[in-house]
Amino acid sequence: MPMFGKLFVRDLAIVGLTAWIWHLAAGASANAGLRGDFAGVLAGVTIGVCGYLLHEWGHLLGAIVAGSAVKPGRSLAAGFLFSFDSHANTRRQFLALSLGGWLATAVVLWGVYALLPDDLFATRVARGVVAGNVLLVVLIEIPLVVYALVTGHVPPVENQPGTAATAAAAE
C-alpha cells in the first residue's frame, strides 16, 4: 500500500478511536471530580487531535488540487502528513495548500461549536484544543502566506530531507 494510503488508514483508525472514546467518556465529563475531569480531558483532546489531522489533510487536498509536488510522511509516526517542496512548487500552489488547511480548520472550529453539547467538560476541552490549533495557524501559517504574498516567493516549508529545497540548503 502506498504511504498516503497507510497514513489515511492510520488517521481513520484515530478518528474511529476518538469516536469510541467520545461515546464512552464524554457523558462522564458532566460529573464533577477526578473521573469526570479525566474523561473530559481524554475525550476533548482526542477531538482536538482529529482537528489537527483534518487540518493536515486539508493542506494535502489543497496541494493536490493545485497540482503541487508533495512527498508523503516517512513513517506512520511522523508528525506531518507530507512535505511540500518549496523549490518545485509555485506561489499559487503554496497558497492553495495553505487555503486547504485553513478551510479544514474552519470546518472543525464550526463543528466543535455547532455539533458538540455545551454542557460537557469534554466539549470545552475540545473547543479549547481546536482554538489552540487556530491560534497556531494564525501565529505560524499566516506569516508564511504574508511572506509569499509580499516577496512573491514560496517560503521554505519542507519538513523532511530529500526535497529540492532541503538539498539546495545543504549546499
C-alpha atoms as a PDB file:
ATOM      1  CA  MET A   1       0.000   0.000   0.000  1.00  0.00           C
ATOM      2  CA  PRO A   2       1.366   3.477  -0.846  1.00  0.00           C
ATOM      3  CA  MET A   3       2.372   5.643   2.130  1.00  0.00           C
ATOM      4  CA  PHE A   4      -0.529   8.087   1.698  1.00  0.00           C
ATOM      5  CA  GLY A   5      -2.894   5.100   1.871  1.00  0.00           C
ATOM      6  CA  LYS A   6      -1.234   3.927   5.080  1.00  0.00           C
ATOM      7  CA  LEU A   7      -1.463   7.409   6.554  1.00  0.00           C
ATOM      8  CA  PHE A   8      -5.144   7.585   5.591  1.00  0.00           C
ATOM      9  CA  VAL A   9      -5.857   4.251   7.288  1.00  0.00           C
ATOM     10  CA  ARG A  10      -3.892   5.409  10.361  1.00  0.00           C
ATOM     11  CA  ASP A  11      -5.934   8.597  10.587  1.00  0.00           C
ATOM     12  CA  LEU A  12      -9.222   6.770  10.039  1.00  0.00           C
ATOM     13  CA  ALA A  13      -8.257   4.491  12.940  1.00  0.00           C
ATOM     14  CA  ILE A  14      -7.536   7.555  15.093  1.00  0.00           C
ATOM     15  CA  VAL A  15     -10.911   9.082  14.173  1.00  0.00           C
ATOM     16  CA  GLY A  16     -12.640   5.771  14.952  1.00  0.00           C
ATOM     17  CA  LEU A  17     -10.854   5.509  18.299  1.00  0.00           C
ATOM     18  CA  THR A  18     -11.828   9.115  19.035  1.00  0.00           C
ATOM     19  CA  ALA A  19     -15.491   8.367  18.295  1.00  0.00           C
ATOM     20  CA  TRP A  20     -15.323   5.363  20.626  1.00  0.00           C
ATOM     21  CA  ILE A  21     -13.638   7.409  23.384  1.00  0.00           C
ATOM     22  CA  TRP A  22     -16.196  10.202  22.957  1.00  0.00           C
ATOM     23  CA  HIS A  23     -19.036   7.682  23.180  1.00  0.00           C
ATOM     24  CA  LEU A  24     -17.620   6.184  26.383  1.00  0.00           C
ATOM     25  CA  ALA A  25     -16.201   9.239  28.124  1.00  0.00           C
ATOM     26  CA  ALA A  26     -17.887  12.470  27.063  1.00  0.00           C
ATOM     27  CA  GLY A  27     -21.025  11.931  29.120  1.00  0.00           C
ATOM     28  CA  ALA A  28     -18.964  11.195  32.219  1.00  0.00           C
ATOM     29  CA  SER A  29     -17.319  14.601  31.858  1.00  0.00           C
ATOM     30  CA  ALA A  30     -20.567  16.214  33.000  1.00  0.00           C
ATOM     31  CA  ASN A  31     -19.810  14.908  36.503  1.00  0.00           C
ATOM     32  CA  ALA A  32     -17.585  16.775  38.940  1.00  0.00           C
ATOM     33  CA  GLY A  33     -14.493  15.073  40.259  1.00  0.00           C
ATOM     34  CA  LEU A  34     -11.451  13.203  39.051  1.00  0.00           C
ATOM     35  CA  ARG A  35     -13.327  10.699  36.869  1.00  0.00           C
ATOM     36  CA  GLY A  36     -15.293  13.425  35.080  1.00  0.00           C
ATOM     37  CA  ASP A  37     -12.230  15.605  34.619  1.00  0.00           C
ATOM     38  CA  PHE A  38     -10.122  12.754  33.247  1.00  0.00           C
ATOM     39  CA  ALA A  39     -12.914  11.647  30.919  1.00  0.00           C
ATOM     40  CA  GLY A  40     -13.377  15.213  29.676  1.00  0.00           C
ATOM     41  CA  VAL A  41      -9.686  15.775  29.004  1.00  0.00           C
ATOM     42  CA  LEU A  42      -9.330  12.422  27.235  1.00  0.00           C
ATOM     43  CA  ALA A  43     -12.409  12.898  25.051  1.00  0.00           C
ATOM     44  CA  GLY A  44     -11.721  16.567  24.340  1.00  0.00           C
ATOM     45  CA  VAL A  45      -8.041  16.183  23.487  1.00  0.00           C
ATOM     46  CA  THR A  46      -8.757  13.343  21.073  1.00  0.00           C
ATOM     47  CA  ILE A  47     -11.275  15.569  19.269  1.00  0.00           C
ATOM     48  CA  GLY A  48      -8.567  18.224  19.063  1.00  0.00           C
ATOM     49  CA  VAL A  49      -6.093  15.701  17.631  1.00  0.00           C
ATOM     50  CA  CYS A  50      -8.638  14.807  14.951  1.00  0.00           C
ATOM     51  CA  GLY A  51      -8.989  18.520  14.204  1.00  0.00           C
ATOM     52  CA  TYR A  52      -5.241  18.734  13.627  1.00  0.00           C
ATOM     53  CA  LEU A  53      -5.345  15.680  11.357  1.00  0.00           C
ATOM     54  CA  LEU A  54      -8.182  17.183   9.312  1.00  0.00           C
ATOM     55  CA  HIS A  55      -6.190  20.415   9.048  1.00  0.00           C
ATOM     56  CA  GLU A  56      -3.243  18.466   7.600  1.00  0.00           C
ATOM     57  CA  TRP A  57      -5.469  16.540   5.165  1.00  0.00           C
ATOM     58  CA  GLY A  58      -6.945  19.895   4.119  1.00  0.00           C
ATOM     59  CA  HIS A  59      -3.442  21.130   3.326  1.00  0.00           C
ATOM     60  CA  LEU A  60      -2.786  17.998   1.273  1.00  0.00           C
ATOM     61  CA  LEU A  61      -6.070  18.329  -0.606  1.00  0.00           C
ATOM     62  CA  GLY A  62      -5.273  21.971  -1.396  1.00  0.00           C
ATOM     63  CA  ALA A  63      -1.827  20.966  -2.616  1.00  0.00           C
ATOM     64  CA  ILE A  64      -3.145  18.134  -4.778  1.00  0.00           C
ATOM     65  CA  VAL A  65      -5.897  20.275  -6.322  1.00  0.00           C
ATOM     66  CA  ALA A  66      -3.214  22.803  -7.298  1.00  0.00           C
ATOM     67  CA  GLY A  67      -1.000  20.078  -8.807  1.00  0.00           C
ATOM     68  CA  SER A  68       1.773  20.501  -6.221  1.00  0.00           C
ATOM     69  CA  ALA A  69       4.821  18.282  -5.771  1.00  0.00           C
ATOM     70  CA  VAL A  70       4.492  16.655  -2.355  1.00  0.00           C
ATOM     71  CA  LYS A  71       6.141  13.732  -0.589  1.00  0.00           C
ATOM     72  CA  PRO A  72       4.297  11.593   1.972  1.00  0.00           C
ATOM     73  CA  GLY A  73       5.499  11.438   5.549  1.00  0.00           C
ATOM     74  CA  ARG A  74       8.295   8.937   6.041  1.00  0.00           C
ATOM     75  CA  SER A  75       6.550   6.867   8.701  1.00  0.00           C
ATOM     76  CA  LEU A  76       3.224   6.410  10.419  1.00  0.00           C
ATOM     77  CA  ALA A  77       4.730   8.084  13.493  1.00  0.00           C
ATOM     78  CA  ALA A  78       5.576  11.248  11.533  1.00  0.00           C
ATOM     79  CA  GLY A  79       4.087  14.443  12.917  1.00  0.00           C
ATOM     80  CA  PHE A  80       3.425  15.764   9.426  1.00  0.00           C
ATOM     81  CA  LEU A  81       1.344  14.099   6.757  1.00  0.00           C
ATOM     82  CA  PHE A  82       3.569  15.242   3.886  1.00  0.00           C
ATOM     83  CA  SER A  83       6.324  17.595   2.817  1.00  0.00           C
ATOM     84  CA  PHE A  84       5.772  20.396   0.304  1.00  0.00           C
ATOM     85  CA  ASP A  85       8.733  21.158  -1.947  1.00  0.00           C
ATOM     86  CA  SER A  86       9.115  24.945  -1.945  1.00  0.00           C
ATOM     87  CA  HIS A  87      11.519  24.902  -4.931  1.00  0.00           C
ATOM     88  CA  ALA A  88       9.447  22.613  -7.140  1.00  0.00           C
ATOM     89  CA  ASN A  89       6.135  24.370  -6.425  1.00  0.00           C
ATOM     90  CA  THR A  90       4.814  27.825  -7.259  1.00  0.00           C
ATOM     91  CA  ARG A  91       3.445  30.552  -5.018  1.00  0.00           C
ATOM     92  CA  ARG A  92      -0.061  29.756  -6.319  1.00  0.00           C
ATOM     93  CA  GLN A  93       0.385  26.136  -5.271  1.00  0.00           C
ATOM     94  CA  PHE A  94       1.631  27.215  -1.836  1.00  0.00           C
ATOM     95  CA  LEU A  95      -1.387  29.483  -1.391  1.00  0.00           C
ATOM     96  CA  ALA A  96      -3.732  26.635  -2.400  1.00  0.00           C
ATOM     97  CA  LEU A  97      -2.015  24.342   0.108  1.00  0.00           C
ATOM     98  CA  SER A  98      -2.449  26.969   2.828  1.00  0.00           C
ATOM     99  CA  LEU A  99      -6.084  27.644   1.982  1.00  0.00           C
ATOM    100  CA  GLY A 100      -6.915  23.931   2.094  1.00  0.00           C
ATOM    101  CA  GLY A 101      -5.666  23.628   5.672  1.00  0.00           C
ATOM    102  CA  TRP A 102      -7.423  26.796   6.735  1.00  0.00           C
ATOM    103  CA  LEU A 103     -10.748  25.697   5.262  1.00  0.00           C
ATOM    104  CA  ALA A 104     -10.476  22.343   7.041  1.00  0.00           C
ATOM    105  CA  THR A 105      -9.711  24.136  10.307  1.00  0.00           C
ATOM    106  CA  ALA A 106     -12.714  26.433   9.817  1.00  0.00           C
ATOM    107  CA  VAL A 107     -14.950  23.380   9.366  1.00  0.00           C
ATOM    108  CA  VAL A 108     -13.529  21.778  12.531  1.00  0.00           C
ATOM    109  CA  LEU A 109     -13.988  25.009  14.504  1.00  0.00           C
ATOM    110  CA  TRP A 110     -17.578  25.271  13.293  1.00  0.00           C
ATOM    111  CA  GLY A 111     -18.142  21.594  14.151  1.00  0.00           C
ATOM    112  CA  VAL A 112     -16.973  21.785  17.764  1.00  0.00           C
ATOM    113  CA  TYR A 113     -19.252  24.762  18.387  1.00  0.00           C
ATOM    114  CA  ALA A 114     -22.274  23.666  16.355  1.00  0.00           C
ATOM    115  CA  LEU A 115     -22.314  19.920  16.979  1.00  0.00           C
ATOM    116  CA  LEU A 116     -20.948  19.215  20.449  1.00  0.00           C
ATOM    117  CA  PRO A 117     -23.184  19.607  23.519  1.00  0.00           C
ATOM    118  CA  ASP A 118     -22.458  22.767  25.514  1.00  0.00           C
ATOM    119  CA  ASP A 119     -22.891  21.217  28.964  1.00  0.00           C
ATOM    120  CA  LEU A 120     -19.937  18.802  28.858  1.00  0.00           C
ATOM    121  CA  PHE A 121     -16.425  19.438  30.115  1.00  0.00           C
ATOM    122  CA  ALA A 122     -15.195  17.298  27.174  1.00  0.00           C
ATOM    123  CA  THR A 123     -16.743  19.807  24.786  1.00  0.00           C
ATOM    124  CA  ARG A 124     -14.979  22.713  26.475  1.00  0.00           C
ATOM    125  CA  VAL A 125     -11.656  20.858  26.266  1.00  0.00           C
ATOM    126  CA  ALA A 126     -12.249  20.025  22.597  1.00  0.00           C
ATOM    127  CA  ARG A 127     -13.102  23.637  21.845  1.00  0.00           C
ATOM    128  CA  GLY A 128     -10.011  24.801  23.707  1.00  0.00           C
ATOM    129  CA  VAL A 129      -7.712  22.445  21.803  1.00  0.00           C
ATOM    130  CA  VAL A 130      -9.244  23.425  18.457  1.00  0.00           C
ATOM    131  CA  ALA A 131      -8.996  27.114  19.376  1.00  0.00           C
ATOM    132  CA  GLY A 132      -5.331  26.472  20.212  1.00  0.00           C
ATOM    133  CA  ASN A 133      -4.894  24.940  16.761  1.00  0.00           C
ATOM    134  CA  VAL A 134      -6.443  28.087  15.247  1.00  0.00           C
ATOM    135  CA  LEU A 135      -4.005  30.215  17.246  1.00  0.00           C
ATOM    136  CA  LEU A 136      -1.104  28.171  15.836  1.00  0.00           C
ATOM    137  CA  VAL A 137      -2.439  28.744  12.316  1.00  0.00           C
ATOM    138  CA  VAL A 138      -2.520  32.484  12.984  1.00  0.00           C
ATOM    139  CA  LEU A 139       0.973  32.579  14.519  1.00  0.00           C
ATOM    140  CA  ILE A 140       2.750  30.140  12.180  1.00  0.00           C
ATOM    141  CA  GLU A 141       0.906  29.876   8.876  1.00  0.00           C
ATOM    142  CA  ILE A 142      -0.443  33.365   8.254  1.00  0.00           C
ATOM    143  CA  PRO A 143       3.062  34.909   8.407  1.00  0.00           C
ATOM    144  CA  LEU A 144       4.210  32.367   5.800  1.00  0.00           C
ATOM    145  CA  VAL A 145       1.370  33.359   3.483  1.00  0.00           C
ATOM    146  CA  VAL A 146       2.098  37.054   4.032  1.00  0.00           C
ATOM    147  CA  TYR A 147       5.758  36.339   3.181  1.00  0.00           C
ATOM    148  CA  ALA A 148       4.686  34.622  -0.052  1.00  0.00           C
ATOM    149  CA  LEU A 149       2.344  37.458  -0.991  1.00  0.00           C
ATOM    150  CA  VAL A 150       4.847  40.232  -0.204  1.00  0.00           C
ATOM    151  CA  THR A 151       8.008  38.663  -1.649  1.00  0.00           C
ATOM    152  CA  GLY A 152       6.485  36.634  -4.466  1.00  0.00           C
ATOM    153  CA  HIS A 153       8.494  33.619  -3.265  1.00  0.00           C
ATOM    154  CA  VAL A 154       7.430  30.344  -1.687  1.00  0.00           C
ATOM    155  CA  PRO A 155       8.730  30.149   1.900  1.00  0.00           C
ATOM    156  CA  PRO A 156      10.917  27.143   2.762  1.00  0.00           C
ATOM    157  CA  VAL A 157       8.448  24.798   4.448  1.00  0.00           C
ATOM    158  CA  GLU A 158       9.994  21.377   3.837  1.00  0.00           C
ATOM    159  CA  ASN A 159       9.893  19.095   6.849  1.00  0.00           C
ATOM    160  CA  GLN A 160      11.925  16.152   5.565  1.00  0.00           C
ATOM    161  CA  PRO A 161      15.187  15.677   3.721  1.00  0.00           C
ATOM    162  CA  GLY A 162      15.296  14.697   0.077  1.00  0.00           C
ATOM    163  CA  THR A 163      13.352  17.566  -1.469  1.00  0.00           C
ATOM    164  CA  ALA A 164      14.928  20.047  -3.860  1.00  0.00           C
ATOM    165  CA  ALA A 165      14.796  22.815  -1.230  1.00  0.00           C
ATOM    166  CA  THR A 166      16.500  20.824   1.505  1.00  0.00           C
ATOM    167  CA  ALA A 167      19.173  19.653  -0.951  1.00  0.00           C
ATOM    168  CA  ALA A 168      19.817  23.261  -2.041  1.00  0.00           C
ATOM    169  CA  ALA A 169      20.007  24.444   1.566  1.00  0.00           C
ATOM    170  CA  ALA A 170      22.607  21.767   2.352  1.00  0.00           C
ATOM    171  CA  GLU A 171      24.943  23.015  -0.399  1.00  0.00           C
END
